[in-house]
Amino acid sequence: MNNLKSTPCGTTVTVRRVEGEGATRRRIMDMGITRGAEVFVRKVAPLGDPIEVTVRGYELSLRKADAEKILVE
């Protein structure tokens, strides 16, 4: 399994697991990134932070540190 941070632009992946604990994990899951959700990586900033994705019909920007905790396949 890869993480969302290493997913190339223009790729659709499926979330397998959200790592981490506490408030960070809860915040990611509250944004709609849960197991089984399909995520399309739209853009990556020139320095890699943030990453813009489409999940459940809306656009979302994630920090690299948060994207690293999202395991996808």
PDB file of N, CA and C in Angstrom:
ATOM      1  N   MET A   1       0.836  -1.189   0.000  1.00  0.00           N
ATOM      2  CA  MET A   1       0.000   0.000   0.000  1.00  0.00           C
ATOM      3  C   MET A   1       0.879   1.250   0.000  1.00  0.00           C
ATOM      4  N   ASN A   2       0.442   2.240  -0.717  1.00  0.00           N
ATOM      5  CA  ASN A   2       1.119   3.541  -0.760  1.00  0.00           C
ATOM      6  C   ASN A   2       0.353   4.522   0.106  1.00  0.00           C
ATOM      7  N   ASN A   3       0.941   5.675   0.301  1.00  0.00           N
ATOM      8  CA  ASN A   3       0.183   6.726   0.981  1.00  0.00           C
ATOM      9  C   ASN A   3      -0.233   7.776  -0.046  1.00  0.00           C
ATOM     10  N   LEU A   4      -1.146   8.630   0.345  1.00  0.00           N
ATOM     11  CA  LEU A   4      -1.689   9.635  -0.573  1.00  0.00           C
ATOM     12  C   LEU A   4      -0.622  10.631  -1.007  1.00  0.00           C
ATOM     13  N   LYS A   5       0.364  10.863  -0.171  1.00  0.00           N
ATOM     14  CA  LYS A   5       1.435  11.811  -0.493  1.00  0.00           C
ATOM     15  C   LYS A   5       2.233  11.356  -1.715  1.00  0.00           C
ATOM     16  N   SER A   6       2.425  10.056  -1.890  1.00  0.00           N
ATOM     17  CA  SER A   6       3.240   9.541  -2.996  1.00  0.00           C
ATOM     18  C   SER A   6       2.420   9.225  -4.245  1.00  0.00           C
ATOM     19  N   THR A   7       1.120   9.509  -4.236  1.00  0.00           N
ATOM     20  CA  THR A   7       0.256   9.245  -5.379  1.00  0.00           C
ATOM     21  C   THR A   7       0.456  10.325  -6.439  1.00  0.00           C
ATOM     22  N   PRO A   8       0.690   9.934  -7.699  1.00  0.00           N
ATOM     23  CA  PRO A   8       0.898  10.949  -8.749  1.00  0.00           C
ATOM     24  C   PRO A   8      -0.386  11.704  -9.104  1.00  0.00           C
ATOM     25  N   CYS A   9      -0.207  12.876  -9.653  1.00  0.00           N
ATOM     26  CA  CYS A   9      -1.314  13.720 -10.087  1.00  0.00           C
ATOM     27  C   CYS A   9      -2.142  13.014 -11.163  1.00  0.00           C
ATOM     28  N   GLY A  10      -3.465  13.215 -11.130  1.00  0.00           N
ATOM     29  CA  GLY A  10      -4.343  12.638 -12.137  1.00  0.00           C
ATOM     30  C   GLY A  10      -4.738  11.201 -11.869  1.00  0.00           C
ATOM     31  N   THR A  11      -4.458  10.695 -10.676  1.00  0.00           N
ATOM     32  CA  THR A  11      -4.742   9.310 -10.327  1.00  0.00           C
ATOM     33  C   THR A  11      -5.903   9.234  -9.348  1.00  0.00           C
ATOM     34  N   THR A  12      -6.756   8.225  -9.528  1.00  0.00           N
ATOM     35  CA  THR A  12      -7.820   7.958  -8.576  1.00  0.00           C
ATOM     36  C   THR A  12      -7.429   6.741  -7.758  1.00  0.00           C
ATOM     37  N   VAL A  13      -7.513   6.864  -6.442  1.00  0.00           N
ATOM     38  CA  VAL A  13      -7.147   5.770  -5.535  1.00  0.00           C
ATOM     39  C   VAL A  13      -8.269   5.544  -4.538  1.00  0.00           C
ATOM     40  N   THR A  14      -8.216   4.412  -3.853  1.00  0.00           N
ATOM     41  CA  THR A  14      -9.192   4.071  -2.831  1.00  0.00           C
ATOM     42  C   THR A  14      -8.502   4.061  -1.470  1.00  0.00           C
ATOM     43  N   VAL A  15      -9.122   4.694  -0.497  1.00  0.00           N
ATOM     44  CA  VAL A  15      -8.555   4.762   0.848  1.00  0.00           C
ATOM     45  C   VAL A  15      -8.695   3.393   1.507  1.00  0.00           C
ATOM     46  N   ARG A  16      -7.610   2.886   2.048  1.00  0.00           N
ATOM     47  CA  ARG A  16      -7.625   1.616   2.766  1.00  0.00           C
ATOM     48  C   ARG A  16      -7.563   1.806   4.274  1.00  0.00           C
ATOM     49  N   ARG A  17      -6.834   2.839   4.722  1.00  0.00           N
ATOM     50  CA  ARG A  17      -6.713   3.052   6.161  1.00  0.00           C
ATOM     51  C   ARG A  17      -6.218   4.465   6.433  1.00  0.00           C
ATOM     52  N   VAL A  18      -6.666   5.026   7.540  1.00  0.00           N
ATOM     53  CA  VAL A  18      -6.173   6.322   7.999  1.00  0.00           C
ATOM     54  C   VAL A  18      -5.387   6.070   9.279  1.00  0.00           C
ATOM     55  N   GLU A  19      -4.085   6.357   9.222  1.00  0.00           N
ATOM     56  CA  GLU A  19      -3.237   6.157  10.388  1.00  0.00           C
ATOM     57  C   GLU A  19      -3.279   7.380  11.285  1.00  0.00           C
ATOM     58  N   GLY A  20      -2.627   7.281  12.417  1.00  0.00           N
ATOM     59  CA  GLY A  20      -2.565   8.397  13.350  1.00  0.00           C
ATOM     60  C   GLY A  20      -3.520   8.183  14.502  1.00  0.00           C
ATOM     61  N   GLU A  21      -3.478   9.123  15.411  1.00  0.00           N
ATOM     62  CA  GLU A  21      -4.316   9.028  16.597  1.00  0.00           C
ATOM     63  C   GLU A  21      -4.901  10.385  16.934  1.00  0.00           C
ATOM     64  N   GLY A  22      -5.940  10.345  17.710  1.00  0.00           N
ATOM     65  CA  GLY A  22      -6.504  11.555  18.281  1.00  0.00           C
ATOM     66  C   GLY A  22      -7.144  12.501  17.295  1.00  0.00           C
ATOM     67  N   ALA A  23      -6.920  13.777  17.549  1.00  0.00           N
ATOM     68  CA  ALA A  23      -7.601  14.842  16.819  1.00  0.00           C
ATOM     69  C   ALA A  23      -7.239  14.865  15.332  1.00  0.00           C
ATOM     70  N   THR A  24      -6.003  14.553  14.998  1.00  0.00           N
ATOM     71  CA  THR A  24      -5.592  14.578  13.594  1.00  0.00           C
ATOM     72  C   THR A  24      -6.352  13.530  12.791  1.00  0.00           C
ATOM     73  N   ARG A  25      -6.419  12.329  13.286  1.00  0.00           N
ATOM     74  CA  ARG A  25      -7.140  11.248  12.596  1.00  0.00           C
ATOM     75  C   ARG A  25      -8.627  11.582  12.487  1.00  0.00           C
ATOM     76  N   ARG A  26      -9.202  12.087  13.557  1.00  0.00           N
ATOM     77  CA  ARG A  26     -10.620  12.433  13.570  1.00  0.00           C
ATOM     78  C   ARG A  26     -10.907  13.537  12.558  1.00  0.00           C
ATOM     79  N   ARG A  27     -10.026  14.538  12.464  1.00  0.00           N
ATOM     80  CA  ARG A  27     -10.213  15.647  11.521  1.00  0.00           C
ATOM     81  C   ARG A  27     -10.178  15.153  10.084  1.00  0.00           C
ATOM     82  N   ILE A  28      -9.235  14.262   9.764  1.00  0.00           N
ATOM     83  CA  ILE A  28      -9.148  13.698   8.415  1.00  0.00           C
ATOM     84  C   ILE A  28     -10.417  12.928   8.085  1.00  0.00           C
ATOM     85  N   MET A  29     -10.897  12.131   9.025  1.00  0.00           N
ATOM     86  CA  MET A  29     -12.102  11.335   8.783  1.00  0.00           C
ATOM     87  C   MET A  29     -13.345  12.221   8.696  1.00  0.00           C
ATOM     88  N   ASP A  30     -13.384  13.305   9.442  1.00  0.00           N
ATOM     89  CA  ASP A  30     -14.518  14.233   9.378  1.00  0.00           C
ATOM     90  C   ASP A  30     -14.608  14.937   8.016  1.00  0.00           C
ATOM     91  N   MET A  31     -13.483  15.035   7.312  1.00  0.00           N
ATOM     92  CA  MET A  31     -13.478  15.655   5.987  1.00  0.00           C
ATOM     93  C   MET A  31     -13.980  14.695   4.913  1.00  0.00           C
ATOM     94  N   GLY A  32     -14.314  13.468   5.286  1.00  0.00           N
ATOM     95  CA  GLY A  32     -14.866  12.510   4.340  1.00  0.00           C
ATOM     96  C   GLY A  32     -13.876  11.481   3.835  1.00  0.00           C
ATOM     97  N   ILE A  33     -12.661  11.531   4.342  1.00  0.00           N
ATOM     98  CA  ILE A  33     -11.651  10.565   3.917  1.00  0.00           C
ATOM     99  C   ILE A  33     -11.720   9.376   4.876  1.00  0.00           C
ATOM    100  N   THR A  34     -12.532   8.403   4.504  1.00  0.00           N
ATOM    101  CA  THR A  34     -12.722   7.199   5.312  1.00  0.00           C
ATOM    102  C   THR A  34     -12.418   5.973   4.459  1.00  0.00           C
ATOM    103  N   ARG A  35     -12.326   4.820   5.089  1.00  0.00           N
ATOM    104  CA  ARG A  35     -12.023   3.583   4.373  1.00  0.00           C
ATOM    105  C   ARG A  35     -13.036   3.356   3.250  1.00  0.00           C
ATOM    106  N   GLY A  36     -12.537   3.073   2.056  1.00  0.00           N
ATOM    107  CA  GLY A  36     -13.390   2.807   0.910  1.00  0.00           C
ATOM    108  C   GLY A  36     -13.707   4.018   0.047  1.00  0.00           C
ATOM    109  N   ALA A  37     -13.396   5.206   0.521  1.00  0.00           N
ATOM    110  CA  ALA A  37     -13.678   6.432  -0.250  1.00  0.00           C
ATOM    111  C   ALA A  37     -12.698   6.533  -1.420  1.00  0.00           C
ATOM    112  N   GLU A  38     -13.208   6.962  -2.565  1.00  0.00           N
ATOM    113  CA  GLU A  38     -12.345   7.180  -3.725  1.00  0.00           C
ATOM    114  C   GLU A  38     -11.847   8.617  -3.719  1.00  0.00           C
ATOM    115  N   VAL A  39     -10.546   8.765  -3.942  1.00  0.00           N
ATOM    116  CA  VAL A  39      -9.905  10.082  -3.904  1.00  0.00           C
ATOM    117  C   VAL A  39      -9.183  10.301  -5.227  1.00  0.00           C
ATOM    118  N   PHE A  40      -9.459  11.434  -5.874  1.00  0.00           N
ATOM    119  CA  PHE A  40      -8.792  11.811  -7.112  1.00  0.00           C
ATOM    120  C   PHE A  40      -7.790  12.911  -6.799  1.00  0.00           C
ATOM    121  N   VAL A  41      -6.526  12.687  -7.117  1.00  0.00           N
ATOM    122  CA  VAL A  41      -5.476  13.686  -6.862  1.00  0.00           C
ATOM    123  C   VAL A  41      -5.488  14.666  -8.025  1.00  0.00           C
ATOM    124  N   ARG A  42      -5.928  15.898  -7.768  1.00  0.00           N
ATOM    125  CA  ARG A  42      -6.068  16.913  -8.824  1.00  0.00           C
ATOM    126  C   ARG A  42      -4.769  17.655  -9.092  1.00  0.00           C
ATOM    127  N   LYS A  43      -4.177  18.213  -8.045  1.00  0.00           N
ATOM    128  CA  LYS A  43      -2.984  19.047  -8.208  1.00  0.00           C
ATOM    129  C   LYS A  43      -2.051  18.831  -7.027  1.00  0.00           C
ATOM    130  N   VAL A  44      -0.775  19.075  -7.291  1.00  0.00           N
ATOM    131  CA  VAL A  44       0.223  19.099  -6.225  1.00  0.00           C
ATOM    132  C   VAL A  44       0.998  20.396  -6.395  1.00  0.00           C
ATOM    133  N   ALA A  45       1.126  21.146  -5.329  1.00  0.00           N
ATOM    134  CA  ALA A  45       1.837  22.429  -5.389  1.00  0.00           C
ATOM    135  C   ALA A  45       3.303  22.194  -5.794  1.00  0.00           C
ATOM    136  N   PRO A  46       3.972  23.205  -6.347  1.00  0.00           N
ATOM    137  CA  PRO A  46       5.355  23.045  -6.809  1.00  0.00           C
ATOM    138  C   PRO A  46       6.308  22.484  -5.759  1.00  0.00           C
ATOM    139  N   LEU A  47       6.134  22.862  -4.525  1.00  0.00           N
ATOM    140  CA  LEU A  47       6.999  22.335  -3.472  1.00  0.00           C
ATOM    141  C   LEU A  47       6.370  21.126  -2.772  1.00  0.00           C
ATOM    142  N   GLY A  48       5.240  20.663  -3.289  1.00  0.00           N
ATOM    143  CA  GLY A  48       4.606  19.463  -2.759  1.00  0.00           C
ATOM    144  C   GLY A  48       3.613  19.689  -1.645  1.00  0.00           C
ATOM    145  N   ASP A  49       3.441  20.903  -1.212  1.00  0.00           N
ATOM    146  CA  ASP A  49       2.537  21.172  -0.097  1.00  0.00           C
ATOM    147  C   ASP A  49       1.716  22.410  -0.399  1.00  0.00           C
ATOM    148  N   PRO A  50       0.425  22.405  -0.507  1.00  0.00           N
ATOM    149  CA  PRO A  50      -0.498  21.307  -0.226  1.00  0.00           C
ATOM    150  C   PRO A  50      -0.806  20.448  -1.463  1.00  0.00           C
ATOM    151  N   ILE A  51      -1.585  19.400  -1.213  1.00  0.00           N
ATOM    152  CA  ILE A  51      -2.058  18.500  -2.258  1.00  0.00           C
ATOM    153  C   ILE A  51      -3.559  18.720  -2.388  1.00  0.00           C
ATOM    154  N   GLU A  52      -4.036  18.979  -3.605  1.00  0.00           N
ATOM    155  CA  GLU A  52      -5.461  19.208  -3.818  1.00  0.00           C
ATOM    156  C   GLU A  52      -6.098  17.924  -4.343  1.00  0.00           C
ATOM    157  N   VAL A  53      -7.151  17.470  -3.662  1.00  0.00           N
ATOM    158  CA  VAL A  53      -7.827  16.228  -4.031  1.00  0.00           C
ATOM    159  C   VAL A  53      -9.328  16.470  -4.160  1.00  0.00           C
ATOM    160  N   THR A  54      -9.996  15.553  -4.849  1.00  0.00           N
ATOM    161  CA  THR A  54     -11.449  15.549  -4.907  1.00  0.00           C
ATOM    162  C   THR A  54     -11.920  14.285  -4.210  1.00  0.00           C
ATOM    163  N   VAL A  55     -12.762  14.448  -3.204  1.00  0.00           N
ATOM    164  CA  VAL A  55     -13.290  13.315  -2.449  1.00  0.00           C
ATOM    165  C   VAL A  55     -14.774  13.561  -2.180  1.00  0.00           C
ATOM    166  N   ARG A  56     -15.582  12.568  -2.451  1.00  0.00           N
ATOM    167  CA  ARG A  56     -17.035  12.627  -2.232  1.00  0.00           C
ATOM    168  C   ARG A  56     -17.691  13.858  -2.873  1.00  0.00           C
ATOM    169  N   GLY A  57     -17.175  14.268  -4.042  1.00  0.00           N
ATOM    170  CA  GLY A  57     -17.788  15.352  -4.789  1.00  0.00           C
ATOM    171  C   GLY A  57     -17.339  16.755  -4.423  1.00  0.00           C
ATOM    172  N   TYR A  58     -16.381  16.908  -3.542  1.00  0.00           N
ATOM    173  CA  TYR A  58     -15.891  18.254  -3.247  1.00  0.00           C
ATOM    174  C   TYR A  58     -14.373  18.287  -3.243  1.00  0.00           C
ATOM    175  N   GLU A  59     -13.827  19.479  -3.395  1.00  0.00           N
ATOM    176  CA  GLU A  59     -12.380  19.662  -3.454  1.00  0.00           C
ATOM    177  C   GLU A  59     -11.832  19.948  -2.067  1.00  0.00           C
ATOM    178  N   LEU A  60     -10.657  19.402  -1.814  1.00  0.00           N
ATOM    179  CA  LEU A  60     -10.058  19.486  -0.491  1.00  0.00           C
ATOM    180  C   LEU A  60      -8.555  19.639  -0.644  1.00  0.00           C
ATOM    181  N   SER A  61      -7.946  20.482   0.167  1.00  0.00           N
ATOM    182  CA  SER A  61      -6.495  20.634   0.173  1.00  0.00           C
ATOM    183  C   SER A  61      -5.947  20.026   1.452  1.00  0.00           C
ATOM    184  N   LEU A  62      -4.906  19.206   1.295  1.00  0.00           N
ATOM    185  CA  LEU A  62      -4.301  18.521   2.437  1.00  0.00           C
ATOM    186  C   LEU A  62      -2.828  18.862   2.548  1.00  0.00           C
ATOM    187  N   ARG A  63      -2.345  18.945   3.759  1.00  0.00           N
ATOM    188  CA  ARG A  63      -0.911  19.105   3.976  1.00  0.00           C
ATOM    189  C   ARG A  63      -0.208  17.781   3.705  1.00  0.00           C
ATOM    190  N   LYS A  64       1.091  17.848   3.384  1.00  0.00           N
ATOM    191  CA  LYS A  64       1.858  16.626   3.141  1.00  0.00           C
ATOM    192  C   LYS A  64       1.845  15.714   4.357  1.00  0.00           C
ATOM    193  N   ALA A  65       1.944  16.289   5.533  1.00  0.00           N
ATOM    194  CA  ALA A  65       1.976  15.493   6.763  1.00  0.00           C
ATOM    195  C   ALA A  65       0.680  14.704   6.948  1.00  0.00           C
ATOM    196  N   ASP A  66      -0.452  15.314   6.584  1.00  0.00           N
ATOM    197  CA  ASP A  66      -1.734  14.615   6.694  1.00  0.00           C
ATOM    198  C   ASP A  66      -1.881  13.575   5.590  1.00  0.00           C
ATOM    199  N   ALA A  67      -1.461  13.901   4.377  1.00  0.00           N
ATOM    200  CA  ALA A  67      -1.570  12.976   3.250  1.00  0.00           C
ATOM    201  C   ALA A  67      -0.717  11.735   3.470  1.00  0.00           C
ATOM    202  N   GLU A  68       0.351  11.877   4.211  1.00  0.00           N
ATOM    203  CA  GLU A  68       1.242  10.759   4.494  1.00  0.00           C
ATOM    204  C   GLU A  68       0.569   9.712   5.382  1.00  0.00           C
ATOM    205  N   LYS A  69      -0.412  10.113   6.158  1.00  0.00           N
ATOM    206  CA  LYS A  69      -1.109   9.215   7.079  1.00  0.00           C
ATOM    207  C   LYS A  69      -2.263   8.459   6.429  1.00  0.00           C
ATOM    208  N   ILE A  70      -2.571   8.788   5.164  1.00  0.00           N
ATOM    209  CA  ILE A  70      -3.697   8.166   4.460  1.00  0.00           C
ATOM    210  C   ILE A  70      -3.141   7.083   3.544  1.00  0.00           C
ATOM    211  N   LEU A  71      -3.395   5.829   3.876  1.00  0.00           N
ATOM    212  CA  LEU A  71      -2.920   4.704   3.077  1.00  0.00           C
ATOM    213  C   LEU A  71      -3.940   4.380   2.007  1.00  0.00           C
ATOM    214  N   VAL A  72      -3.474   4.258   0.764  1.00  0.00           N
ATOM    215  CA  VAL A  72      -4.355   4.057  -0.385  1.00  0.00           C
ATOM    216  C   VAL A  72      -3.877   2.896  -1.221  1.00  0.00           C
ATOM    217  N   GLU A  73      -4.747   2.463  -2.128  1.00  0.00           N
ATOM    218  CA  GLU A  73      -4.345   1.415  -3.090  1.00  0.00           C
ATOM    219  C   GLU A  73      -5.025   1.643  -4.408  1.00  0.00           C
TER     220      GLU A  73
END
